[in-house]
C-alpha atoms as a PDB file:
ATOM      1  CA  MET A   1      75.730 150.146  80.521  1.00  0.00           C
ATOM      2  CA  PRO A   2      73.222 148.534  78.599  1.00  0.00           C
ATOM      3  CA  PRO A   3      70.143 147.325  80.718  1.00  0.00           C
ATOM      4  CA  TRP A   4      70.736 143.733  79.571  1.00  0.00           C
ATOM      5  CA  ILE A   5      73.978 143.706  81.669  1.00  0.00           C
ATOM      6  CA  ALA A   6      72.900 145.935  84.417  1.00  0.00           C
ATOM      7  CA  TYR A   7      69.891 144.145  85.567  1.00  0.00           C
ATOM      8  CA  PRO A   8      71.596 140.964  86.083  1.00  0.00           C
ATOM      9  CA  LEU A   9      74.532 142.584  87.959  1.00  0.00           C
ATOM     10  CA  LEU A  10      71.931 144.489  90.187  1.00  0.00           C
ATOM     11  CA  LEU A  11      70.358 141.021  90.807  1.00  0.00           C
ATOM     12  CA  LEU A  12      73.403 139.445  91.645  1.00  0.00           C
ATOM     13  CA  GLY A  13      74.401 142.178  93.919  1.00  0.00           C
ATOM     14  CA  ALA A  14      71.136 141.985  95.913  1.00  0.00           C
ATOM     15  CA  TYR A  15      71.543 138.471  96.308  1.00  0.00           C
ATOM     16  CA  ALA A  16      75.095 138.576  97.541  1.00  0.00           C
ATOM     17  CA  THR A  17      74.181 141.206  99.942  1.00  0.00           C
ATOM     18  CA  GLY A  18      71.312 139.343 101.320  1.00  0.00           C
ATOM     19  CA  CYS A  19      73.541 136.090 101.718  1.00  0.00           C
ATOM     20  CA  VAL A  20      75.972 138.342 103.530  1.00  0.00           C
ATOM     21  CA  SER A  21      73.491 139.876 105.944  1.00  0.00           C
ATOM     22  CA  ALA A  22      71.798 136.260 106.623  1.00  0.00           C
ATOM     23  CA  ALA A  23      75.524 134.934 107.555  1.00  0.00           C
ATOM     24  CA  LEU A  24      75.993 137.779 109.722  1.00  0.00           C
ATOM     25  CA  VAL A  25      72.569 137.554 111.619  1.00  0.00           C
ATOM     26  CA  ARG A  26      73.090 133.707 111.851  1.00  0.00           C
ATOM     27  CA  ARG A  27      76.667 134.304 113.610  1.00  0.00           C
ATOM     28  CA  ARG A  28      75.273 137.041 115.844  1.00  0.00           C
ATOM     29  CA  LEU A  29      72.473 134.506 116.928  1.00  0.00           C
ATOM     30  CA  ARG A  30      74.828 131.676 117.394  1.00  0.00           C
ATOM     31  CA  PRO A  31      77.018 131.582 120.445  1.00  0.00           C
ATOM     32  CA  PRO A  32      80.798 131.385 120.029  1.00  0.00           C
ATOM     33  CA  ALA A  33      82.311 128.167 119.417  1.00  0.00           C
ATOM     34  CA  THR A  34      83.847 127.058 122.790  1.00  0.00           C
ATOM     35  CA  PRO A  35      85.659 123.971 123.830  1.00  0.00           C
ATOM     36  CA  GLY A  36      83.051 123.283 126.695  1.00  0.00           C
ATOM     37  CA  ARG A  37      79.859 121.613 125.653  1.00  0.00           C
ATOM     38  CA  THR A  38      77.854 124.135 124.149  1.00  0.00           C
ATOM     39  CA  PRO A  39      74.143 123.132 124.937  1.00  0.00           C
ATOM     40  CA  THR A  40      72.755 125.092 121.942  1.00  0.00           C
ATOM     41  CA  MET A  41      74.930 123.636 119.426  1.00  0.00           C
ATOM     42  CA  THR A  42      73.914 120.223 118.018  1.00  0.00           C
ATOM     43  CA  GLU A  43      76.187 117.334 117.772  1.00  0.00           C
ATOM     44  CA  ALA A  44      76.375 117.949 114.025  1.00  0.00           C
ATOM     45  CA  GLU A  45      77.241 121.537 114.385  1.00  0.00           C
ATOM     46  CA  ARG A  46      80.046 120.880 116.876  1.00  0.00           C
ATOM     47  CA  ARG A  47      81.662 118.402 114.475  1.00  0.00           C
ATOM     48  CA  ALA A  48      81.273 120.990 111.661  1.00  0.00           C
ATOM     49  CA  VAL A  49      82.988 123.784 113.497  1.00  0.00           C
ATOM     50  CA  LEU A  50      86.667 123.901 112.508  1.00  0.00           C
ATOM     51  CA  LEU A  51      88.893 125.187 115.076  1.00  0.00           C
ATOM     52  CA  ALA A  52      92.074 124.619 113.154  1.00  0.00           C
ATOM     53  CA  PRO A  53      92.883 122.952 109.683  1.00  0.00           C
ATOM     54  CA  PRO A  54      94.778 119.894 109.467  1.00  0.00           C
ATOM     55  CA  PRO A  55      98.648 120.234 109.386  1.00  0.00           C
ATOM     56  CA  THR A  56      99.967 119.946 105.568  1.00  0.00           C
ATOM     57  CA  VAL A  57     103.208 119.175 103.788  1.00  0.00           C
ATOM     58  CA  THR A  58     103.894 120.700 100.583  1.00  0.00           C
ATOM     59  CA  VAL A  59     104.400 118.009  97.852  1.00  0.00           C
ATOM     60  CA  GLU A  60     106.477 119.328  94.794  1.00  0.00           C
ATOM     61  CA  HIS A  61     104.152 119.498  91.777  1.00  0.00           C
ATOM     62  CA  MET A  62     101.103 118.652  93.867  1.00  0.00           C
ATOM     63  CA  GLY A  63     100.813 121.337  96.386  1.00  0.00           C
ATOM     64  CA  PRO A  64      99.719 120.870 100.118  1.00  0.00           C
ATOM     65  CA  VAL A  65      98.803 117.447 101.280  1.00  0.00           C
ATOM     66  CA  VAL A  66      97.190 116.605 104.699  1.00  0.00           C
ATOM     67  CA  LEU A  67      99.948 115.126 107.105  1.00  0.00           C
ATOM     68  CA  ARG A  68      97.807 112.125 107.761  1.00  0.00           C
ATOM     69  CA  ASP A  69      97.732 111.159 103.716  1.00  0.00           C
ATOM     70  CA  TRP A  70     101.484 112.433 103.251  1.00  0.00           C
ATOM     71  CA  LEU A  71     102.980 110.124 105.845  1.00  0.00           C
ATOM     72  CA  ARG A  72     100.737 107.097 104.396  1.00  0.00           C
ATOM     73  CA  ASN A  73     101.633 107.922 100.692  1.00  0.00           C
ATOM     74  CA  TYR A  74     104.639 110.207 100.325  1.00  0.00           C
ATOM     75  CA  SER A  75     106.972 109.751 103.108  1.00  0.00           C
ATOM     76  CA  ARG A  76     109.836 107.392 102.877  1.00  0.00           C
ATOM     77  CA  HIS A  77     108.178 105.437 105.957  1.00  0.00           C
ATOM     78  CA  GLN A  78     104.736 104.513 104.192  1.00  0.00           C
ATOM     79  CA  ASP A  79     104.001 100.896 105.463  1.00  0.00           C
ATOM     80  CA  GLY A  80     101.850 101.042 108.711  1.00  0.00           C
ATOM     81  CA  ALA A  81     103.248 104.625 109.436  1.00  0.00           C
ATOM     82  CA  TRP A  82     100.598 105.788 111.778  1.00  0.00           C
ATOM     83  CA  VAL A  83     100.771 102.646 113.870  1.00  0.00           C
ATOM     84  CA  ALA A  84     104.486 103.208 113.955  1.00  0.00           C
ATOM     85  CA  VAL A  85     104.441 106.740 114.916  1.00  0.00           C
ATOM     86  CA  VAL A  86     102.039 105.860 117.699  1.00  0.00           C
ATOM     87  CA  LYS A  87     104.600 102.993 119.035  1.00  0.00           C
ATOM     88  CA  ASP A  88     107.639 105.004 118.846  1.00  0.00           C
ATOM     89  CA  PHE A  89     105.747 107.874 120.649  1.00  0.00           C
ATOM     90  CA  TYR A  90     104.824 105.658 123.400  1.00  0.00           C
ATOM     91  CA  ALA A  91     108.217 104.289 123.743  1.00  0.00           C
ATOM     92  CA  SER A  92     109.711 107.557 123.752  1.00  0.00           C
ATOM     93  CA  ALA A  93     107.109 108.930 126.266  1.00  0.00           C
ATOM     94  CA  ALA A  94     107.830 106.044 128.663  1.00  0.00           C
ATOM     95  CA  ALA A  95     111.569 107.300 128.781  1.00  0.00           C
ATOM     96  CA  ASN A  96     110.317 110.716 130.403  1.00  0.00           C
ATOM     97  CA  PRO A  97     109.223 109.951 133.952  1.00  0.00           C
ATOM     98  CA  ALA A  98     107.003 113.016 133.988  1.00  0.00           C
ATOM     99  CA  ILE A  99     105.034 111.887 131.039  1.00  0.00           C
ATOM    100  CA  ALA A 100     105.231 108.269 131.904  1.00  0.00           C
ATOM    101  CA  ALA A 101     103.714 108.899 135.341  1.00  0.00           C
ATOM    102  CA  TYR A 102     100.324 109.533 133.549  1.00  0.00           C
ATOM    103  CA  PHE A 103     100.485 106.017 131.845  1.00  0.00           C
ATOM    104  CA  ALA A 104     100.724 103.825 135.075  1.00  0.00           C
ATOM    105  CA  GLY A 105      98.022 101.139 135.007  1.00  0.00           C
ATOM    106  CA  VAL A 106      96.690 102.108 131.618  1.00  0.00           C
ATOM    107  CA  ASP A 107      95.386  99.489 128.938  1.00  0.00           C
ATOM    108  CA  MET A 108      98.149 100.621 126.484  1.00  0.00           C
ATOM    109  CA  PRO A 109      96.650  98.499 123.266  1.00  0.00           C
ATOM    110  CA  THR A 110      93.457 100.214 123.506  1.00  0.00           C
ATOM    111  CA  LEU A 111      95.130 103.689 124.292  1.00  0.00           C
ATOM    112  CA  GLN A 112      97.344 103.608 121.244  1.00  0.00           C
ATOM    113  CA  ARG A 113      94.191 102.445 119.212  1.00  0.00           C
ATOM    114  CA  HIS A 114      92.571 105.452 120.257  1.00  0.00           C
ATOM    115  CA  PHE A 115      95.500 107.671 119.750  1.00  0.00           C
ATOM    116  CA  VAL A 116      95.964 106.307 116.335  1.00  0.00           C
ATOM    117  CA  ALA A 117      92.314 107.201 115.530  1.00  0.00           C
ATOM    118  CA  THR A 118      92.818 110.692 117.107  1.00  0.00           C
ATOM    119  CA  LEU A 119      95.882 111.410 115.053  1.00  0.00           C
ATOM    120  CA  MET A 120      94.280 110.440 111.683  1.00  0.00           C
ATOM    121  CA  GLN A 121      91.467 112.587 112.595  1.00  0.00           C
ATOM    122  CA  VAL A 122      93.262 115.700 113.422  1.00  0.00           C
ATOM    123  CA  THR A 123      95.928 115.301 110.840  1.00  0.00           C
ATOM    124  CA  GLY A 124      93.487 114.640 108.031  1.00  0.00           C
ATOM    125  CA  GLU A 125      90.455 116.721 108.850  1.00  0.00           C
ATOM    126  CA  GLY A 126      91.409 119.185 111.321  1.00  0.00           C
ATOM    127  CA  LEU A 127      90.357 120.080 114.820  1.00  0.00           C
ATOM    128  CA  THR A 128      86.576 120.802 115.568  1.00  0.00           C
ATOM    129  CA  VAL A 129      84.690 121.998 118.515  1.00  0.00           C
ATOM    130  CA  GLY A 130      83.383 118.337 118.914  1.00  0.00           C
ATOM    131  CA  ASP A 131      87.104 116.868 118.887  1.00  0.00           C
ATOM    132  CA  VAL A 132      88.154 119.400 121.692  1.00  0.00           C
ATOM    133  CA  GLU A 133      85.091 118.358 123.778  1.00  0.00           C
ATOM    134  CA  ASP A 134      85.751 114.825 123.335  1.00  0.00           C
ATOM    135  CA  LEU A 135      89.404 114.995 124.206  1.00  0.00           C
ATOM    136  CA  VAL A 136      88.627 117.136 127.259  1.00  0.00           C
ATOM    137  CA  ALA A 137      86.240 114.544 128.400  1.00  0.00           C
ATOM    138  CA  ALA A 138      88.448 111.813 127.669  1.00  0.00           C
ATOM    139  CA  HIS A 139      91.389 113.376 129.796  1.00  0.00           C
ATOM    140  CA  ALA A 140      89.382 114.850 132.564  1.00  0.00           C
ATOM    141  CA  ASP A 141      89.989 112.011 135.053  1.00  0.00           C
ATOM    142  CA  ILE A 142      93.799 111.357 133.989  1.00  0.00           C
ATOM    143  CA  ARG A 143      96.016 111.791 136.668  1.00  0.00           C
ATOM    144  CA  ASN A 144      99.572 110.942 137.355  1.00  0.00           C
ATOM    145  CA  THR A 145     100.735 108.491 139.990  1.00  0.00           C
ATOM    146  CA  ASP A 146     100.923 111.525 142.599  1.00  0.00           C
ATOM    147  CA  GLY A 147      97.185 112.333 141.819  1.00  0.00           C
ATOM    148  CA  GLN A 148      98.002 115.494 139.714  1.00  0.00           C
ATOM    149  CA  PRO A 149      95.874 116.522 136.558  1.00  0.00           C
ATOM    150  CA  ILE A 150      97.783 116.979 133.208  1.00  0.00           C
ATOM    151  CA  THR A 151      99.763 120.188 133.347  1.00  0.00           C
ATOM    152  CA  PRO A 152     100.463 122.551 130.478  1.00  0.00           C
ATOM    153  CA  GLU A 153     104.283 121.631 130.886  1.00  0.00           C
ATOM    154  CA  VAL A 154     103.448 117.989 130.689  1.00  0.00           C
ATOM    155  CA  PHE A 155     101.232 118.498 127.593  1.00  0.00           C
ATOM    156  CA  ASN A 156     104.061 120.606 126.107  1.00  0.00           C
ATOM    157  CA  ALA A 157     106.612 117.766 126.739  1.00  0.00           C
ATOM    158  CA  THR A 158     104.351 115.203 125.390  1.00  0.00           C
ATOM    159  CA  ILE A 159     103.891 117.089 122.118  1.00  0.00           C
ATOM    160  CA  ASP A 160     107.539 117.638 121.914  1.00  0.00           C
ATOM    161  CA  VAL A 161     107.892 113.751 121.829  1.00  0.00           C
ATOM    162  CA  LEU A 162     105.306 113.452 119.316  1.00  0.00           C
ATOM    163  CA  GLY A 163     107.116 116.289 117.138  1.00  0.00           C
ATOM    164  CA  GLY A 164     110.474 114.431 117.579  1.00  0.00           C
ATOM    165  CA  VAL A 165     108.926 111.110 116.418  1.00  0.00           C
ATOM    166  CA  LEU A 166     107.450 112.758 113.404  1.00  0.00           C
ATOM    167  CA  ALA A 167     111.013 114.573 112.577  1.00  0.00           C
ATOM    168  CA  GLY A 168     112.320 111.237 112.757  1.00  0.00           C
ATOM    169  CA  ARG A 169     109.900 110.039 109.992  1.00  0.00           C
ATOM    170  CA  GLY A 170     110.836 113.122 107.808  1.00  0.00           C
ATOM    171  CA  VAL A 171     107.914 115.320 108.575  1.00  0.00           C
ATOM    172  CA  PRO A 172     109.115 118.950 108.028  1.00  0.00           C
ATOM    173  CA  GLY A 173     109.529 121.293 110.868  1.00  0.00           C
ATOM    174  CA  SER A 174     106.906 123.674 109.210  1.00  0.00           C
ATOM    175  CA  THR A 175     104.420 120.862 109.302  1.00  0.00           C
ATOM    176  CA  ILE A 176     105.185 119.866 112.950  1.00  0.00           C
ATOM    177  CA  GLY A 177     104.880 123.583 113.974  1.00  0.00           C
ATOM    178  CA  GLN A 178     101.515 123.425 112.534  1.00  0.00           C
ATOM    179  CA  LEU A 179     100.523 120.364 114.527  1.00  0.00           C
ATOM    180  CA  VAL A 180     101.862 122.056 117.766  1.00  0.00           C
ATOM    181  CA  ALA A 181      99.595 125.124 116.954  1.00  0.00           C
ATOM    182  CA  LEU A 182      96.654 122.748 116.464  1.00  0.00           C
ATOM    183  CA  THR A 183      97.200 120.848 119.688  1.00  0.00           C
ATOM    184  CA  SER A 184      97.678 124.062 121.762  1.00  0.00           C
ATOM    185  CA  ILE A 185      93.912 124.506 121.515  1.00  0.00           C
ATOM    186  CA  CYS A 186      93.652 121.017 123.131  1.00  0.00           C
ATOM    187  CA  ARG A 187      96.295 121.860 125.934  1.00  0.00           C
ATOM    188  CA  ASP A 188      94.431 125.058 126.621  1.00  0.00           C
ATOM    189  CA  ALA A 189      91.155 123.396 126.963  1.00  0.00           C
ATOM    190  CA  MET A 190      92.437 120.437 128.984  1.00  0.00           C
ATOM    191  CA  THR A 191      94.539 122.286 131.556  1.00  0.00           C
ATOM    192  CA  ARG A 192      91.996 124.894 131.971  1.00  0.00           C
ATOM    193  CA  THR A 193      89.230 122.101 132.722  1.00  0.00           C
ATOM    194  CA  ALA A 194      91.652 120.087 135.033  1.00  0.00           C
ATOM    195  CA  ALA A 195      92.570 123.393 136.798  1.00  0.00           C
ATOM    196  CA  GLY A 196      88.961 124.639 137.247  1.00  0.00           C
END
């Protein structure tokens, strides 16, 4: 191989090896991302550590589109789609006594605004360590009318309601499956915190 080709390849290989080594050292020095507040991570780092990507819908001739944008721009229910999803979700959740027991005495308009914002975040940007920490903190003191914290069964029933509402708006089952996988991270963190 001529030296004018070998030398740049050698430099490129050395640079790549150095980058990989530096990344491995940083990873070893940084504690693993956990849903609980990690004091050694800055707020920016907690917001940057992606635990799950946003759910996507495959659009013909375009490829994957994040669920947030698909529902706003490509579904047959575009106008105010996310606000309508949240409204339908709370109406359906109220029909399930096990879920409705957690909403007694709650300021519903404020709760619905927060839920829209959360859905827009996780279905558009994905789920970060910071998002999970915020959700765990926001749900830590929530109790049903019997004083019980959120259980995995109630959480799953709630996500089933959300999945049903999204399916009714034409969201494909595979995309709802992605959302269920994403929310299972939240379920595990919230119910572990409530139980512990």
